[in-house]
Amino acid sequence: MRRRVAFWSVLALLFFCMAAPFVLAHRVTVFAVDEGGEVYTESSFGGKRPVKMGTLRVKDADGTVLLTGTTDKKGIFIFTRPRPVALTVEVDAGIGHKGVWTLAATEGAGPKGVVQQTPVDRAAKGSAGIEWQRLEATVDAAVTRAMFRLEKRQRFQDIIGGIGYIVGLCGLMAWMKSRRKTP
């Protein structure tokens, strides 16, 4: 009787471990960046599959819906920031698949291409006539987009980790089988 309970317990554990990657594959990843009043959002499922025609809601800190829209075929939605307050961007991809991103109140506030002033004077133009604030905002947005795209990719170490789990479970089953008493 104990062996039967142990067998079914291990089988149930194995089933839940095998089902976990499929559940995570339907997670919605949301990315949003404010580029001087224009908010760029990109939504996707666990991998490179975009959320097509997903419902996007923009809320303030009180939970009041300020804006509602629909993502395009690439999972992108662009809107003008309604107010310079902290925003929560929610994407509903249907059947309970949701993702959230929070934008700070100071992120991207101000006119297009201008970020908040820091104690260091960055308004001065360099020898090439570059506006340092605009350059900083552009680089910040580009780096944030690149980090989001890297996060979406399936990494080699994730694959090796999954194989390690499978080998470990097979080893556990072999050990349990070897401990059986022969009749």
N, C-alpha and C. Protein backbone atom coordinates (compact mmCIF):
# COMPACT_ATOMS: atom_id res chain seq x y z
N MET A 1 0.82 -1.20 0.00
CA MET A 1 0.00 0.00 0.00
C MET A 1 0.86 1.26 0.00
N ARG A 2 1.95 1.26 0.80
CA ARG A 2 2.83 2.43 0.88
C ARG A 2 3.52 2.68 -0.46
N ARG A 3 3.86 1.60 -1.13
CA ARG A 3 4.53 1.76 -2.43
C ARG A 3 3.59 2.38 -3.45
N ARG A 4 2.35 1.98 -3.38
CA ARG A 4 1.37 2.51 -4.32
C ARG A 4 1.17 4.01 -4.09
N VAL A 5 1.09 4.42 -2.83
CA VAL A 5 0.94 5.84 -2.50
C VAL A 5 2.18 6.61 -2.95
N ALA A 6 3.36 6.05 -2.69
CA ALA A 6 4.61 6.70 -3.11
C ALA A 6 4.68 6.82 -4.63
N PHE A 7 4.27 5.76 -5.33
CA PHE A 7 4.30 5.78 -6.79
C PHE A 7 3.39 6.89 -7.33
N TRP A 8 2.15 6.97 -6.83
CA TRP A 8 1.22 7.97 -7.32
C TRP A 8 1.64 9.38 -6.91
N SER A 9 2.28 9.52 -5.75
CA SER A 9 2.78 10.83 -5.33
C SER A 9 3.87 11.31 -6.27
N VAL A 10 4.80 10.41 -6.59
CA VAL A 10 5.89 10.78 -7.51
C VAL A 10 5.33 11.07 -8.89
N LEU A 11 4.37 10.30 -9.33
CA LEU A 11 3.76 10.51 -10.64
C LEU A 11 3.05 11.87 -10.70
N ALA A 12 2.33 12.23 -9.63
CA ALA A 12 1.66 13.53 -9.58
C ALA A 12 2.68 14.67 -9.58
N LEU A 13 3.76 14.52 -8.81
CA LEU A 13 4.82 15.53 -8.78
C LEU A 13 5.45 15.69 -10.16
N LEU A 14 5.71 14.58 -10.82
CA LEU A 14 6.28 14.62 -12.17
C LEU A 14 5.33 15.33 -13.14
N PHE A 15 4.05 15.05 -13.03
CA PHE A 15 3.07 15.69 -13.90
C PHE A 15 3.08 17.20 -13.70
N PHE A 16 3.06 17.65 -12.45
CA PHE A 16 3.03 19.09 -12.18
C PHE A 16 4.33 19.77 -12.62
N CYS A 17 5.45 19.08 -12.48
CA CYS A 17 6.72 19.66 -12.94
C CYS A 17 6.76 19.77 -14.45
N MET A 18 6.18 18.81 -15.13
CA MET A 18 6.18 18.84 -16.59
C MET A 18 5.18 19.87 -17.12
N ALA A 19 4.11 20.13 -16.37
CA ALA A 19 3.09 21.07 -16.83
C ALA A 19 3.49 22.52 -16.58
N ALA A 20 4.42 22.79 -15.67
CA ALA A 20 4.80 24.17 -15.32
C ALA A 20 5.31 24.98 -16.51
N PRO A 21 6.16 24.44 -17.38
CA PRO A 21 6.61 25.25 -18.52
C PRO A 21 5.48 25.67 -19.45
N PHE A 22 4.44 24.84 -19.59
CA PHE A 22 3.33 25.20 -20.46
C PHE A 22 2.53 26.35 -19.85
N VAL A 23 2.41 26.37 -18.53
CA VAL A 23 1.70 27.46 -17.87
C VAL A 23 2.47 28.76 -18.05
N LEU A 24 3.79 28.73 -17.87
CA LEU A 24 4.61 29.94 -18.02
C LEU A 24 4.67 30.43 -19.46
N ALA A 25 4.44 29.54 -20.41
CA ALA A 25 4.50 29.94 -21.81
C ALA A 25 3.37 30.90 -22.16
N HIS A 26 2.31 30.93 -21.35
CA HIS A 26 1.18 31.80 -21.62
C HIS A 26 1.22 33.08 -20.81
N ARG A 27 2.31 33.31 -20.11
CA ARG A 27 2.48 34.54 -19.35
C ARG A 27 2.58 35.72 -20.32
N VAL A 28 1.99 36.83 -19.98
CA VAL A 28 2.06 38.02 -20.82
C VAL A 28 3.14 38.94 -20.27
N THR A 29 4.09 39.29 -21.12
CA THR A 29 5.15 40.21 -20.76
C THR A 29 4.83 41.57 -21.37
N VAL A 30 4.84 42.60 -20.53
CA VAL A 30 4.52 43.95 -20.99
C VAL A 30 5.75 44.83 -20.80
N PHE A 31 6.01 45.67 -21.77
CA PHE A 31 7.11 46.63 -21.71
C PHE A 31 6.55 47.99 -22.11
N ALA A 32 6.92 49.03 -21.36
CA ALA A 32 6.47 50.39 -21.71
C ALA A 32 7.59 51.37 -21.39
N VAL A 33 7.78 52.33 -22.28
CA VAL A 33 8.78 53.38 -22.05
C VAL A 33 8.19 54.70 -22.53
N ASP A 34 8.43 55.73 -21.74
CA ASP A 34 7.95 57.06 -22.08
C ASP A 34 9.09 57.82 -22.74
N GLU A 35 8.87 58.25 -23.97
CA GLU A 35 9.87 59.01 -24.72
C GLU A 35 9.38 60.44 -24.87
N GLY A 36 9.43 61.18 -23.77
CA GLY A 36 9.04 62.59 -23.80
C GLY A 36 7.57 62.81 -24.04
N GLY A 37 6.73 62.05 -23.37
CA GLY A 37 5.29 62.24 -23.50
C GLY A 37 4.62 61.22 -24.39
N GLU A 38 5.35 60.57 -25.28
CA GLU A 38 4.81 59.50 -26.11
C GLU A 38 5.21 58.18 -25.45
N VAL A 39 4.22 57.38 -25.07
CA VAL A 39 4.48 56.11 -24.41
C VAL A 39 4.41 54.98 -25.43
N TYR A 40 5.48 54.22 -25.53
CA TYR A 40 5.61 53.10 -26.46
C TYR A 40 5.42 51.83 -25.63
N THR A 41 4.46 50.97 -26.00
CA THR A 41 4.26 49.70 -25.29
C THR A 41 4.42 48.54 -26.25
N GLU A 42 4.92 47.45 -25.73
CA GLU A 42 5.08 46.22 -26.50
C GLU A 42 4.69 45.07 -25.60
N SER A 43 3.84 44.19 -26.08
CA SER A 43 3.33 43.07 -25.29
C SER A 43 3.56 41.77 -26.04
N SER A 44 3.96 40.73 -25.29
CA SER A 44 4.19 39.43 -25.92
C SER A 44 3.94 38.31 -24.92
N PHE A 45 3.74 37.11 -25.45
CA PHE A 45 3.67 35.93 -24.61
C PHE A 45 5.10 35.51 -24.32
N GLY A 46 5.30 34.52 -23.46
CA GLY A 46 6.62 34.11 -22.99
C GLY A 46 7.75 34.21 -24.00
N GLY A 47 7.55 33.84 -25.22
CA GLY A 47 8.62 33.87 -26.21
C GLY A 47 8.54 35.09 -27.10
N LYS A 48 8.60 34.86 -28.40
CA LYS A 48 8.59 35.97 -29.36
C LYS A 48 7.20 36.20 -29.95
N ARG A 49 6.19 35.54 -29.42
CA ARG A 49 4.84 35.70 -29.97
C ARG A 49 4.18 36.95 -29.42
N PRO A 50 3.85 37.91 -30.27
CA PRO A 50 3.22 39.15 -29.79
C PRO A 50 1.76 38.92 -29.39
N VAL A 51 1.28 39.77 -28.50
CA VAL A 51 -0.13 39.76 -28.12
C VAL A 51 -0.87 40.53 -29.20
N LYS A 52 -1.55 39.82 -30.07
CA LYS A 52 -2.28 40.45 -31.17
C LYS A 52 -3.67 40.84 -30.70
N MET A 53 -4.05 42.08 -30.94
CA MET A 53 -5.38 42.59 -30.63
C MET A 53 -5.73 42.43 -29.15
N GLY A 54 -4.74 42.61 -28.28
CA GLY A 54 -4.97 42.56 -26.84
C GLY A 54 -5.53 43.88 -26.34
N THR A 55 -6.33 43.82 -25.30
CA THR A 55 -6.91 45.03 -24.71
C THR A 55 -5.91 45.66 -23.75
N LEU A 56 -5.62 46.92 -23.95
CA LEU A 56 -4.65 47.65 -23.12
C LEU A 56 -5.39 48.74 -22.35
N ARG A 57 -5.17 48.78 -21.03
CA ARG A 57 -5.76 49.81 -20.18
C ARG A 57 -4.65 50.55 -19.45
N VAL A 58 -4.75 51.87 -19.44
CA VAL A 58 -3.80 52.72 -18.72
C VAL A 58 -4.53 53.30 -17.52
N LYS A 59 -3.97 53.06 -16.32
CA LYS A 59 -4.60 53.52 -15.08
C LYS A 59 -3.64 54.42 -14.32
N ASP A 60 -4.20 55.31 -13.50
CA ASP A 60 -3.37 56.13 -12.63
C ASP A 60 -3.22 55.40 -11.29
N ALA A 61 -2.58 56.05 -10.32
CA ALA A 61 -2.31 55.42 -9.03
C ALA A 61 -3.60 55.07 -8.27
N ASP A 62 -4.68 55.78 -8.52
CA ASP A 62 -5.95 55.52 -7.85
C ASP A 62 -6.73 54.38 -8.51
N GLY A 63 -6.26 53.91 -9.64
CA GLY A 63 -6.96 52.84 -10.36
C GLY A 63 -7.96 53.34 -11.38
N THR A 64 -8.01 54.65 -11.59
CA THR A 64 -8.91 55.23 -12.57
C THR A 64 -8.39 54.96 -13.98
N VAL A 65 -9.21 54.41 -14.84
CA VAL A 65 -8.81 54.13 -16.21
C VAL A 65 -8.74 55.45 -16.98
N LEU A 66 -7.55 55.77 -17.47
CA LEU A 66 -7.34 57.01 -18.23
C LEU A 66 -7.45 56.80 -19.73
N LEU A 67 -7.15 55.57 -20.17
CA LEU A 67 -7.08 55.30 -21.60
C LEU A 67 -7.28 53.80 -21.83
N THR A 68 -7.97 53.46 -22.91
CA THR A 68 -8.15 52.07 -23.31
C THR A 68 -7.80 51.97 -24.79
N GLY A 69 -7.14 50.88 -25.16
CA GLY A 69 -6.78 50.70 -26.56
C GLY A 69 -6.58 49.23 -26.88
N THR A 70 -6.15 48.96 -28.11
CA THR A 70 -5.93 47.60 -28.59
C THR A 70 -4.56 47.52 -29.24
N THR A 71 -3.80 46.48 -28.91
CA THR A 71 -2.48 46.30 -29.52
C THR A 71 -2.63 45.89 -30.98
N ASP A 72 -1.60 46.19 -31.78
CA ASP A 72 -1.66 45.81 -33.19
C ASP A 72 -1.16 44.38 -33.37
N LYS A 73 -0.91 43.98 -34.62
CA LYS A 73 -0.48 42.60 -34.91
C LYS A 73 0.91 42.29 -34.38
N LYS A 74 1.69 43.32 -34.08
CA LYS A 74 3.04 43.13 -33.53
C LYS A 74 3.04 43.30 -32.02
N GLY A 75 1.89 43.50 -31.40
CA GLY A 75 1.78 43.66 -29.96
C GLY A 75 2.16 45.06 -29.49
N ILE A 76 2.15 46.03 -30.38
CA ILE A 76 2.59 47.39 -30.07
C ILE A 76 1.38 48.32 -29.95
N PHE A 77 1.47 49.24 -29.00
CA PHE A 77 0.47 50.29 -28.84
C PHE A 77 1.20 51.54 -28.38
N ILE A 78 0.97 52.66 -29.05
CA ILE A 78 1.64 53.92 -28.72
C ILE A 78 0.56 54.95 -28.38
N PHE A 79 0.78 55.68 -27.29
CA PHE A 79 -0.19 56.70 -26.90
C PHE A 79 0.53 57.89 -26.28
N THR A 80 -0.17 59.01 -26.23
CA THR A 80 0.36 60.21 -25.58
C THR A 80 0.00 60.14 -24.11
N ARG A 81 0.99 60.40 -23.27
CA ARG A 81 0.78 60.33 -21.83
C ARG A 81 -0.27 61.35 -21.42
N PRO A 82 -1.38 60.91 -20.78
CA PRO A 82 -2.45 61.84 -20.42
C PRO A 82 -2.04 62.87 -19.38
N ARG A 83 -1.35 62.45 -18.35
CA ARG A 83 -0.92 63.33 -17.27
C ARG A 83 0.44 62.87 -16.76
N PRO A 84 1.23 63.78 -16.17
CA PRO A 84 2.53 63.37 -15.62
C PRO A 84 2.40 62.73 -14.23
N VAL A 85 1.67 61.63 -14.15
CA VAL A 85 1.50 60.88 -12.90
C VAL A 85 1.97 59.46 -13.13
N ALA A 86 2.15 58.72 -12.05
CA ALA A 86 2.53 57.31 -12.18
C ALA A 86 1.41 56.56 -12.91
N LEU A 87 1.78 55.75 -13.88
CA LEU A 87 0.80 55.02 -14.69
C LEU A 87 1.02 53.53 -14.57
N THR A 88 -0.06 52.78 -14.64
CA THR A 88 0.00 51.33 -14.71
C THR A 88 -0.59 50.92 -16.04
N VAL A 89 0.19 50.18 -16.82
CA VAL A 89 -0.25 49.71 -18.14
C VAL A 89 -0.60 48.23 -17.98
N GLU A 90 -1.86 47.89 -18.22
CA GLU A 90 -2.33 46.50 -18.13
C GLU A 90 -2.71 46.01 -19.52
N VAL A 91 -2.27 44.80 -19.85
CA VAL A 91 -2.64 44.20 -21.12
C VAL A 91 -3.39 42.92 -20.82
N ASP A 92 -4.58 42.79 -21.40
CA ASP A 92 -5.41 41.60 -21.25
C ASP A 92 -5.43 40.88 -22.59
N ALA A 93 -4.83 39.68 -22.61
CA ALA A 93 -4.74 38.92 -23.85
C ALA A 93 -5.85 37.89 -23.96
N GLY A 94 -6.80 37.93 -23.05
CA GLY A 94 -7.92 37.00 -23.10
C GLY A 94 -7.71 35.78 -22.22
N ILE A 95 -8.79 35.18 -21.80
CA ILE A 95 -8.83 33.97 -20.97
C ILE A 95 -7.88 34.06 -19.78
N GLY A 96 -7.86 35.20 -19.12
CA GLY A 96 -7.08 35.34 -17.90
C GLY A 96 -5.61 35.64 -18.08
N HIS A 97 -5.13 35.79 -19.30
CA HIS A 97 -3.73 36.09 -19.55
C HIS A 97 -3.53 37.61 -19.47
N LYS A 98 -2.88 38.06 -18.40
CA LYS A 98 -2.69 39.49 -18.19
C LYS A 98 -1.24 39.80 -17.86
N GLY A 99 -0.84 41.01 -18.19
CA GLY A 99 0.49 41.51 -17.87
C GLY A 99 0.39 42.96 -17.44
N VAL A 100 1.34 43.39 -16.59
CA VAL A 100 1.31 44.74 -16.04
C VAL A 100 2.70 45.36 -16.11
N TRP A 101 2.75 46.66 -16.37
CA TRP A 101 3.99 47.45 -16.34
C TRP A 101 3.66 48.77 -15.66
N THR A 102 4.57 49.25 -14.80
CA THR A 102 4.34 50.52 -14.11
C THR A 102 5.36 51.55 -14.57
N LEU A 103 4.87 52.73 -14.93
CA LEU A 103 5.73 53.86 -15.31
C LEU A 103 5.73 54.86 -14.17
N ALA A 104 6.92 55.32 -13.78
CA ALA A 104 7.03 56.32 -12.72
C ALA A 104 6.50 57.66 -13.22
N ALA A 105 6.12 58.51 -12.28
CA ALA A 105 5.57 59.82 -12.64
C ALA A 105 6.60 60.69 -13.34
N THR A 106 7.87 60.55 -12.98
CA THR A 106 8.92 61.40 -13.56
C THR A 106 9.51 60.81 -14.82
N GLU A 107 9.21 59.58 -15.14
CA GLU A 107 9.80 58.94 -16.32
C GLU A 107 9.29 59.58 -17.59
N GLY A 108 10.17 60.22 -18.32
CA GLY A 108 9.83 60.81 -19.61
C GLY A 108 9.01 62.08 -19.54
N ALA A 109 8.81 62.63 -18.36
CA ALA A 109 7.99 63.84 -18.25
C ALA A 109 8.65 65.00 -18.96
N GLY A 110 7.85 65.87 -19.51
CA GLY A 110 8.38 67.04 -20.20
C GLY A 110 8.19 66.94 -21.69
N PRO A 111 8.69 67.92 -22.44
CA PRO A 111 8.51 67.91 -23.88
C PRO A 111 9.31 66.78 -24.53
N LYS A 112 8.97 66.46 -25.77
CA LYS A 112 9.58 65.35 -26.51
C LYS A 112 11.10 65.43 -26.46
N GLY A 113 11.73 64.33 -26.04
CA GLY A 113 13.19 64.24 -26.05
C GLY A 113 13.86 64.89 -24.86
N VAL A 114 13.13 65.38 -23.88
CA VAL A 114 13.75 66.04 -22.73
C VAL A 114 13.40 65.26 -21.48
N VAL A 115 14.40 64.98 -20.65
CA VAL A 115 14.18 64.27 -19.40
C VAL A 115 14.33 65.23 -18.24
N GLN A 116 14.04 64.76 -17.04
CA GLN A 116 14.13 65.61 -15.86
C GLN A 116 15.58 66.08 -15.64
N GLN A 117 15.73 67.29 -15.14
CA GLN A 117 17.04 67.85 -14.85
C GLN A 117 17.65 67.15 -13.64
N THR A 118 18.94 66.96 -13.67
CA THR A 118 19.69 66.44 -12.53
C THR A 118 20.54 67.59 -12.02
N PRO A 119 21.15 67.45 -10.83
CA PRO A 119 21.96 68.54 -10.32
C PRO A 119 23.08 68.98 -11.26
N VAL A 120 23.58 68.06 -12.08
CA VAL A 120 24.62 68.42 -13.04
C VAL A 120 23.97 69.13 -14.22
N ASP A 121 24.55 70.21 -14.70
CA ASP A 121 23.99 70.94 -15.82
C ASP A 121 24.27 70.20 -17.11
N ARG A 122 23.24 69.59 -17.67
CA ARG A 122 23.41 68.83 -18.91
C ARG A 122 22.77 69.55 -20.09
N ALA A 123 22.37 70.78 -19.87
CA ALA A 123 21.74 71.54 -20.95
C ALA A 123 22.77 72.11 -21.92
N ALA A 124 24.04 72.12 -21.49
CA ALA A 124 25.08 72.69 -22.35
C ALA A 124 25.28 71.82 -23.57
N LYS A 125 25.60 72.47 -24.69
CA LYS A 125 25.84 71.73 -25.92
C LYS A 125 27.32 71.38 -26.02
N GLY A 126 27.59 70.18 -26.53
CA GLY A 126 28.98 69.74 -26.71
C GLY A 126 29.58 70.34 -27.96
N SER A 127 30.78 69.91 -28.29
CA SER A 127 31.47 70.46 -29.45
C SER A 127 30.74 70.15 -30.74
N ALA A 128 29.99 69.05 -30.77
CA ALA A 128 29.27 68.71 -32.00
C ALA A 128 27.85 69.26 -31.98
N GLY A 129 27.51 70.04 -30.97
CA GLY A 129 26.18 70.64 -30.89
C GLY A 129 25.12 69.65 -30.41
N ILE A 130 25.52 68.62 -29.69
CA ILE A 130 24.57 67.61 -29.21
C ILE A 130 23.87 68.12 -27.96
N GLU A 131 22.59 68.00 -27.93
CA GLU A 131 21.85 68.32 -26.72
C GLU A 131 21.94 67.09 -25.81
N TRP A 132 22.62 67.20 -24.70
CA TRP A 132 22.89 66.06 -23.83
C TRP A 132 21.62 65.47 -23.25
N GLN A 133 20.63 66.26 -22.97
CA GLN A 133 19.38 65.73 -22.43
C GLN A 133 18.67 64.84 -23.45
N ARG A 134 18.64 65.30 -24.67
CA ARG A 134 17.99 64.51 -25.73
C ARG A 134 18.75 63.22 -25.98
N LEU A 135 20.08 63.30 -25.97
CA LEU A 135 20.91 62.11 -26.15
C LEU A 135 20.67 61.11 -25.02
N GLU A 136 20.61 61.62 -23.79
CA GLU A 136 20.39 60.75 -22.63
C GLU A 136 19.03 60.05 -22.73
N ALA A 137 18.01 60.77 -23.12
CA ALA A 137 16.67 60.18 -23.25
C ALA A 137 16.65 59.12 -24.35
N THR A 138 17.31 59.38 -25.47
CA THR A 138 17.34 58.43 -26.57
C THR A 138 18.08 57.17 -26.20
N VAL A 139 19.23 57.31 -25.56
CA VAL A 139 20.02 56.15 -25.14
C VAL A 139 19.26 55.34 -24.10
N ASP A 140 18.62 56.02 -23.15
CA ASP A 140 17.86 55.33 -22.11
C ASP A 140 16.74 54.50 -22.73
N ALA A 141 16.01 55.07 -23.67
CA ALA A 141 14.92 54.33 -24.32
C ALA A 141 15.46 53.15 -25.12
N ALA A 142 16.57 53.32 -25.82
CA ALA A 142 17.14 52.24 -26.63
C ALA A 142 17.64 51.10 -25.74
N VAL A 143 18.28 51.42 -24.64
CA VAL A 143 18.79 50.39 -23.73
C VAL A 143 17.63 49.63 -23.09
N THR A 144 16.58 50.34 -22.70
CA THR A 144 15.42 49.69 -22.09
C THR A 144 14.76 48.73 -23.07
N ARG A 145 14.62 49.14 -24.34
CA ARG A 145 14.06 48.25 -25.36
C ARG A 145 14.94 47.02 -25.57
N ALA A 146 16.24 47.21 -25.63
CA ALA A 146 17.16 46.09 -25.84
C ALA A 146 17.09 45.10 -24.67
N MET A 147 17.01 45.61 -23.45
CA MET A 147 16.92 44.73 -22.29
C MET A 147 15.61 43.93 -22.32
N PHE A 148 14.52 44.54 -22.75
CA PHE A 148 13.25 43.84 -22.85
C PHE A 148 13.34 42.71 -23.86
N ARG A 149 13.94 42.98 -25.00
CA ARG A 149 14.05 41.94 -26.03
C ARG A 149 14.95 40.80 -25.58
N LEU A 150 16.01 41.10 -24.83
CA LEU A 150 16.87 40.05 -24.31
C LEU A 150 16.14 39.20 -23.28
N GLU A 151 15.29 39.83 -22.49
CA GLU A 151 14.54 39.11 -21.47
C GLU A 151 13.55 38.13 -22.10
N LYS A 152 13.02 38.46 -23.26
CA LYS A 152 12.03 37.61 -23.92
C LYS A 152 12.66 36.34 -24.50
N ARG A 153 13.93 36.38 -24.84
CA ARG A 153 14.56 35.24 -25.50
C ARG A 153 14.74 34.08 -24.54
N GLN A 154 14.62 32.88 -25.08
CA GLN A 154 14.87 31.70 -24.28
C GLN A 154 16.37 31.48 -24.24
N ARG A 155 16.91 31.39 -23.03
CA ARG A 155 18.35 31.29 -22.89
C ARG A 155 18.81 29.84 -22.85
N PHE A 156 20.05 29.62 -23.22
CA PHE A 156 20.64 28.30 -23.24
C PHE A 156 20.64 27.69 -21.85
N GLN A 157 20.92 28.50 -20.82
CA GLN A 157 20.96 27.97 -19.46
C GLN A 157 19.58 27.52 -19.00
N ASP A 158 18.51 28.12 -19.51
CA ASP A 158 17.16 27.66 -19.17
C ASP A 158 16.91 26.27 -19.75
N ILE A 159 17.38 26.04 -20.96
CA ILE A 159 17.21 24.73 -21.60
C ILE A 159 18.00 23.67 -20.84
N ILE A 160 19.25 23.97 -20.50
CA ILE A 160 20.08 23.02 -19.75
C ILE A 160 19.47 22.75 -18.38
N GLY A 161 18.91 23.78 -17.74
CA GLY A 161 18.25 23.60 -16.45
C GLY A 161 17.06 22.66 -16.55
N GLY A 162 16.26 22.79 -17.59
CA GLY A 162 15.12 21.89 -17.81
C GLY A 162 15.55 20.46 -18.01
N ILE A 163 16.62 20.27 -18.79
CA ILE A 163 17.15 18.91 -19.00
C ILE A 163 17.66 18.35 -17.67
N GLY A 164 18.28 19.19 -16.86
CA GLY A 164 18.76 18.75 -15.55
C GLY A 164 17.63 18.28 -14.64
N TYR A 165 16.51 18.98 -14.66
CA TYR A 165 15.35 18.54 -13.88
C TYR A 165 14.88 17.17 -14.33
N ILE A 166 14.81 16.97 -15.64
CA ILE A 166 14.34 15.68 -16.16
C ILE A 166 15.29 14.56 -15.75
N VAL A 167 16.60 14.78 -15.90
CA VAL A 167 17.58 13.76 -15.51
C VAL A 167 17.48 13.49 -14.01
N GLY A 168 17.31 14.53 -13.21
CA GLY A 168 17.18 14.35 -11.76
C GLY A 168 15.96 13.52 -11.39
N LEU A 169 14.84 13.77 -12.04
CA LEU A 169 13.63 12.99 -11.76
C LEU A 169 13.79 11.54 -12.19
N CYS A 170 14.46 11.32 -13.32
CA CYS A 170 14.72 9.94 -13.76
C CYS A 170 15.63 9.24 -12.76
N GLY A 171 16.63 9.94 -12.24
CA GLY A 171 17.51 9.36 -11.22
C GLY A 171 16.76 9.03 -9.95
N LEU A 172 15.84 9.89 -9.54
CA LEU A 172 15.03 9.63 -8.36
C LEU A 172 14.16 8.40 -8.57
N MET A 173 13.57 8.27 -9.74
CA MET A 173 12.75 7.09 -10.03
C MET A 173 13.59 5.82 -10.04
N ALA A 174 14.81 5.88 -10.61
CA ALA A 174 15.69 4.71 -10.63
C ALA A 174 16.10 4.32 -9.21
N TRP A 175 16.38 5.30 -8.38
CA TRP A 175 16.76 5.01 -7.00
C TRP A 175 15.61 4.36 -6.26
N MET A 176 14.39 4.87 -6.45
CA MET A 176 13.22 4.29 -5.78
C MET A 176 12.98 2.86 -6.26
N LYS A 177 13.21 2.64 -7.54
CA LYS A 177 13.01 1.29 -8.09
C LYS A 177 14.05 0.31 -7.54
N SER A 178 15.27 0.79 -7.34
CA SER A 178 16.33 -0.10 -6.82
C SER A 178 16.12 -0.45 -5.35
N ARG A 179 15.36 0.34 -4.63
CA ARG A 179 15.12 0.08 -3.21
C ARG A 179 14.00 -0.93 -3.00
N ARG A 180 13.32 -1.31 -4.06
CA ARG A 180 12.25 -2.29 -3.94
C ARG A 180 12.81 -3.63 -3.48
N LYS A 181 12.02 -4.30 -2.69
CA LYS A 181 12.42 -5.64 -2.27
C LYS A 181 11.93 -6.60 -3.34
N THR A 182 12.79 -7.53 -3.69
CA THR A 182 12.39 -8.54 -4.69
C THR A 182 11.63 -9.65 -3.98
N PRO A 183 10.50 -10.11 -4.53
CA PRO A 183 9.71 -11.16 -3.87
C PRO A 183 10.33 -12.51 -3.95
